[in-house]
């Protein structure tokens, strides 16, 4: 910076919180059948809730927050939505640090194919 050395790290960029977002690649879980995704489990180290969105056949659904305690956190997702391809998008809230070590999908495979 103009004032000299700059500190790398922390939760702020000047006075703005630092947003972090990760979107995973879509998967059909090796079947052409439609699936529902009522829950998603996120293994993460953080002190706050994590915002989780599901993308169903390229349509982003409403975000859900995970629990705020525990290493493995469950996010309750939209019920009734059916799709072949699913992807997850996770993001921090309020610039909070987090480290994700696992995301577990539990698809409910339906009898119909696309």
Protein backbone atom coordinates (compact mmCIF):
# COMPACT_ATOMS: atom_id res chain seq x y z
CA UNK A 1 0.00 0.00 0.00
CA UNK A 2 1.00 3.65 -0.17
CA UNK A 3 1.52 3.65 3.61
CA UNK A 4 4.02 0.79 3.46
CA UNK A 5 3.53 -2.89 4.27
CA UNK A 6 0.11 -4.51 3.93
CA UNK A 7 -1.20 -7.28 6.17
CA UNK A 8 -2.42 -10.41 4.38
CA UNK A 9 -5.20 -12.22 6.22
CA UNK A 10 -8.21 -11.36 8.32
CA UNK A 11 -11.94 -11.10 7.63
CA UNK A 12 -12.01 -7.66 5.99
CA UNK A 13 -10.79 -6.06 2.78
CA UNK A 14 -10.40 -2.49 3.96
CA UNK A 15 -13.86 -2.22 5.59
CA UNK A 16 -15.70 -4.75 3.40
CA UNK A 17 -16.34 -8.33 4.50
CA UNK A 18 -14.71 -10.96 2.31
CA UNK A 19 -17.24 -13.19 0.53
CA UNK A 20 -16.28 -16.75 -0.34
CA UNK A 21 -18.29 -18.90 -2.78
CA UNK A 22 -17.66 -22.37 -4.19
CA UNK A 23 -19.87 -24.01 -6.81
CA UNK A 24 -19.40 -27.70 -7.51
CA UNK A 25 -19.78 -29.37 -10.89
CA UNK A 26 -23.20 -30.90 -11.67
CA UNK A 27 -23.63 -34.65 -11.32
CA UNK A 28 -26.32 -37.12 -12.36
CA UNK A 29 -24.96 -39.69 -9.88
CA UNK A 30 -24.41 -42.13 -12.76
CA UNK A 31 -28.10 -42.56 -13.58
CA UNK A 32 -30.53 -40.90 -15.98
CA UNK A 33 -33.36 -41.21 -13.43
CA UNK A 34 -34.84 -38.09 -11.87
CA UNK A 35 -33.86 -37.41 -8.28
CA UNK A 36 -35.01 -35.33 -5.33
CA UNK A 37 -32.54 -33.81 -2.89
CA UNK A 38 -34.25 -32.99 0.43
CA UNK A 39 -31.01 -32.71 2.45
CA UNK A 40 -27.36 -31.94 1.93
CA UNK A 41 -24.64 -32.54 4.52
CA UNK A 42 -21.60 -30.28 4.73
CA UNK A 43 -18.50 -31.21 6.70
CA UNK A 44 -16.98 -27.89 7.68
CA UNK A 45 -14.94 -26.09 10.29
CA UNK A 46 -16.48 -22.71 11.07
CA UNK A 47 -18.14 -20.79 13.88
CA UNK A 48 -21.13 -19.68 11.79
CA UNK A 49 -23.82 -21.12 9.54
CA UNK A 50 -22.94 -21.76 5.91
CA UNK A 51 -25.35 -20.80 3.12
CA UNK A 52 -26.03 -23.73 0.80
CA UNK A 53 -27.86 -23.58 -2.54
CA UNK A 54 -28.68 -26.46 -4.84
CA UNK A 55 -28.71 -26.13 -8.61
CA UNK A 56 -31.18 -28.52 -10.23
CA UNK A 57 -30.80 -28.91 -14.01
CA UNK A 58 -29.16 -25.44 -14.18
CA UNK A 59 -31.88 -23.73 -12.09
CA UNK A 60 -30.67 -22.39 -8.76
CA UNK A 61 -33.00 -23.10 -5.87
CA UNK A 62 -33.42 -21.14 -2.68
CA UNK A 63 -30.53 -21.12 -0.27
CA UNK A 64 -30.68 -22.84 3.08
CA UNK A 65 -28.49 -22.34 6.13
CA UNK A 66 -26.71 -25.19 7.84
CA UNK A 67 -26.74 -25.66 11.58
CA UNK A 68 -24.26 -23.49 13.46
CA UNK A 69 -22.66 -26.24 15.53
CA UNK A 70 -21.00 -29.56 14.89
CA UNK A 71 -18.50 -30.66 12.29
CA UNK A 72 -21.09 -32.21 9.93
CA UNK A 73 -23.97 -29.85 9.30
CA UNK A 74 -27.29 -30.61 7.62
CA UNK A 75 -29.02 -28.20 5.26
CA UNK A 76 -32.72 -28.81 4.60
CA UNK A 77 -33.36 -28.18 0.92
CA UNK A 78 -36.48 -27.66 -1.24
CA UNK A 79 -38.95 -30.52 -1.23
CA UNK A 80 -40.69 -31.69 -4.37
CA UNK A 81 -38.09 -30.47 -6.87
CA UNK A 82 -37.08 -33.17 -9.36
CA UNK A 83 -34.04 -33.05 -11.61
CA UNK A 84 -31.48 -35.26 -13.28
CA UNK A 85 -28.39 -33.10 -12.63
CA UNK A 86 -27.63 -31.58 -9.23
CA UNK A 87 -24.85 -29.28 -8.03
CA UNK A 88 -24.17 -27.51 -4.74
CA UNK A 89 -23.07 -23.95 -4.11
CA UNK A 90 -21.73 -22.99 -0.69
CA UNK A 91 -20.83 -19.58 0.69
CA UNK A 92 -19.85 -17.90 3.91
CA UNK A 93 -21.97 -15.34 5.71
CA UNK A 94 -20.63 -12.08 7.03
CA UNK A 95 -17.05 -12.74 5.93
CA UNK A 96 -16.73 -15.65 8.37
CA UNK A 97 -13.80 -18.04 7.83
CA UNK A 98 -14.69 -21.61 6.94
CA UNK A 99 -13.01 -24.74 5.66
CA UNK A 100 -15.11 -27.39 3.92
CA UNK A 101 -13.77 -30.93 3.90
CA UNK A 102 -16.82 -32.83 2.61
CA UNK A 103 -20.17 -32.42 0.91
CA UNK A 104 -22.52 -35.39 0.98
CA UNK A 105 -25.48 -35.61 -1.34
CA UNK A 106 -28.26 -38.05 -0.44
CA UNK A 107 -30.34 -38.20 -3.62
CA UNK A 108 -33.73 -39.90 -3.59
CA UNK A 109 -33.79 -41.65 -6.98
CA UNK A 110 -37.23 -41.76 -8.58
CA UNK A 111 -38.53 -44.44 -10.94
CA UNK A 112 -38.84 -42.16 -13.97
CA UNK A 113 -36.10 -41.26 -16.36
CA UNK A 114 -35.86 -37.88 -18.01
